[in-house]
Amino acid sequence: MSTGIELRDAGTEAAIAADVAAHRGAGKFIERVICEYAALGVEFTADDIRDALRDNPTVVRELASKPNLLPAYIGSASRAHRIRPVDTYRPERASRRANRNLVWVGVR
């Protein structure tokens, strides 16, 4: 029987693997923005990442059709100890207002 952590990690891997398919590739843009925020040492949120990528139609389309994609890349960066949570916030987007969302910062 799989644990919750194993199931979560398998889901993360599946979301990232699906993005790597030749006709996709939004992940490289998501990872770049996460790395840029982490390197700056500033606090950031998933909404900040979305805002930074809003002019990239490939990413916007993939995020709209695959809601687990951005959390998968954020979770992967967290488990790799590149970023860590520092706070929670209530997002502006109506679809996320009822959820606990994290504020992240790069690990130095």
Protein backbone atom coordinates (compact mmCIF):
# COMPACT_ATOMS: atom_id res chain seq x y z
CA MET A 1 0.00 0.00 0.00
CA SER A 2 1.28 3.46 -0.90
CA THR A 3 1.58 6.24 1.63
CA GLY A 4 0.14 9.68 1.07
CA ILE A 5 3.62 11.05 0.47
CA GLU A 6 4.36 8.37 -2.13
CA LEU A 7 1.07 9.11 -3.89
CA ARG A 8 1.76 12.87 -3.81
CA ASP A 9 5.24 12.37 -5.24
CA ALA A 10 3.92 10.06 -7.96
CA GLY A 11 1.32 12.68 -8.91
CA THR A 12 3.99 15.39 -9.03
CA GLU A 13 6.20 13.24 -11.23
CA ALA A 14 3.27 12.46 -13.54
CA ALA A 15 2.33 16.14 -13.92
CA ILE A 16 5.92 17.10 -14.71
CA ALA A 17 6.41 14.16 -17.09
CA ALA A 18 3.26 15.09 -19.00
CA ASP A 19 4.56 18.64 -19.40
CA VAL A 20 7.85 17.45 -20.84
CA ALA A 21 6.09 15.94 -23.86
CA ALA A 22 7.34 17.45 -27.12
CA HIS A 23 4.21 19.55 -27.70
CA ARG A 24 4.27 21.16 -24.27
CA GLY A 25 7.17 22.49 -22.22
CA ALA A 26 5.66 25.10 -19.94
CA GLY A 27 7.71 23.67 -17.10
CA LYS A 28 11.00 25.14 -18.26
CA PHE A 29 9.44 28.60 -18.03
CA ILE A 30 7.89 27.86 -14.63
CA GLU A 31 11.19 26.51 -13.29
CA ARG A 32 13.07 29.56 -14.58
CA VAL A 33 10.72 31.95 -12.76
CA ILE A 34 10.93 29.91 -9.53
CA CYS A 35 14.75 29.96 -9.77
CA GLU A 36 14.78 33.71 -10.43
CA TYR A 37 12.63 34.45 -7.38
CA ALA A 38 14.67 32.05 -5.25
CA ALA A 39 17.95 33.65 -6.34
CA LEU A 40 16.65 37.12 -5.51
CA GLY A 41 15.79 36.03 -1.98
CA VAL A 42 12.37 37.72 -2.18
CA GLU A 43 9.12 36.21 -0.97
CA PHE A 44 6.83 35.02 -3.75
CA THR A 45 3.60 33.12 -4.32
CA ALA A 46 2.09 30.92 -7.01
CA ASP A 47 0.14 34.00 -8.12
CA ASP A 48 3.43 35.89 -8.56
CA ILE A 49 4.68 33.08 -10.80
CA ARG A 50 1.44 33.17 -12.83
CA ASP A 51 1.77 36.95 -13.20
CA ALA A 52 5.38 36.65 -14.36
CA LEU A 53 4.31 34.17 -17.04
CA ARG A 54 1.09 35.84 -18.21
CA ASP A 55 2.65 37.01 -21.49
CA ASN A 56 3.67 33.47 -22.47
CA PRO A 57 0.69 31.90 -24.32
CA THR A 58 2.12 28.36 -24.06
CA VAL A 59 2.33 28.57 -20.28
CA VAL A 60 -1.03 30.30 -19.88
CA ARG A 61 -2.71 27.59 -21.97
CA GLU A 62 -1.02 24.75 -20.06
CA LEU A 63 -1.80 26.26 -16.64
CA ALA A 64 -5.44 26.74 -17.64
CA SER A 65 -5.82 23.14 -18.78
CA LYS A 66 -3.63 21.51 -16.11
CA PRO A 67 -4.24 23.04 -12.69
CA ASN A 68 -1.75 20.67 -11.00
CA LEU A 69 1.19 21.75 -13.13
CA LEU A 70 2.27 24.86 -11.20
CA PRO A 71 1.87 23.21 -7.77
CA ALA A 72 3.88 20.23 -9.05
CA TYR A 73 6.84 22.44 -9.99
CA ILE A 74 6.62 24.43 -6.75
CA GLY A 75 6.41 21.22 -4.72
CA SER A 76 9.36 19.76 -6.60
CA ALA A 77 11.47 22.86 -5.87
CA SER A 78 10.45 22.67 -2.21
CA ARG A 79 11.35 19.00 -1.88
CA ALA A 80 14.70 19.74 -3.55
CA HIS A 81 15.27 22.38 -0.81
CA ARG A 82 15.56 25.22 -3.31
CA ILE A 83 12.60 27.07 -1.77
CA ARG A 84 10.82 26.95 1.58
CA PRO A 85 7.46 28.21 2.85
CA VAL A 86 7.53 31.27 5.11
CA ASP A 87 3.89 32.28 5.41
CA THR A 88 0.37 31.76 4.08
CA TYR A 89 -1.87 34.14 2.19
CA ARG A 90 -5.32 34.44 0.70
CA PRO A 91 -5.09 34.74 -3.08
CA GLU A 92 -7.00 37.21 -5.21
CA ARG A 93 -8.20 34.64 -7.77
CA ALA A 94 -11.75 33.55 -6.94
CA SER A 95 -11.00 29.91 -7.70
CA ARG A 96 -8.31 29.83 -4.98
CA ARG A 97 -9.71 32.10 -2.24
CA ALA A 98 -10.90 29.23 -0.06
CA ASN A 99 -7.54 27.47 -0.12
CA ARG A 100 -4.47 27.86 2.03
CA ASN A 101 -1.72 29.15 -0.20
CA LEU A 102 1.92 29.45 0.72
CA VAL A 103 4.40 32.27 0.46
CA TRP A 104 7.83 30.99 -0.58
CA VAL A 105 11.42 32.18 -0.39
CA GLY A 106 14.63 30.77 -1.81
CA VAL A 107 16.86 28.65 0.42
CA ARG A 108 20.34 30.09 0.71
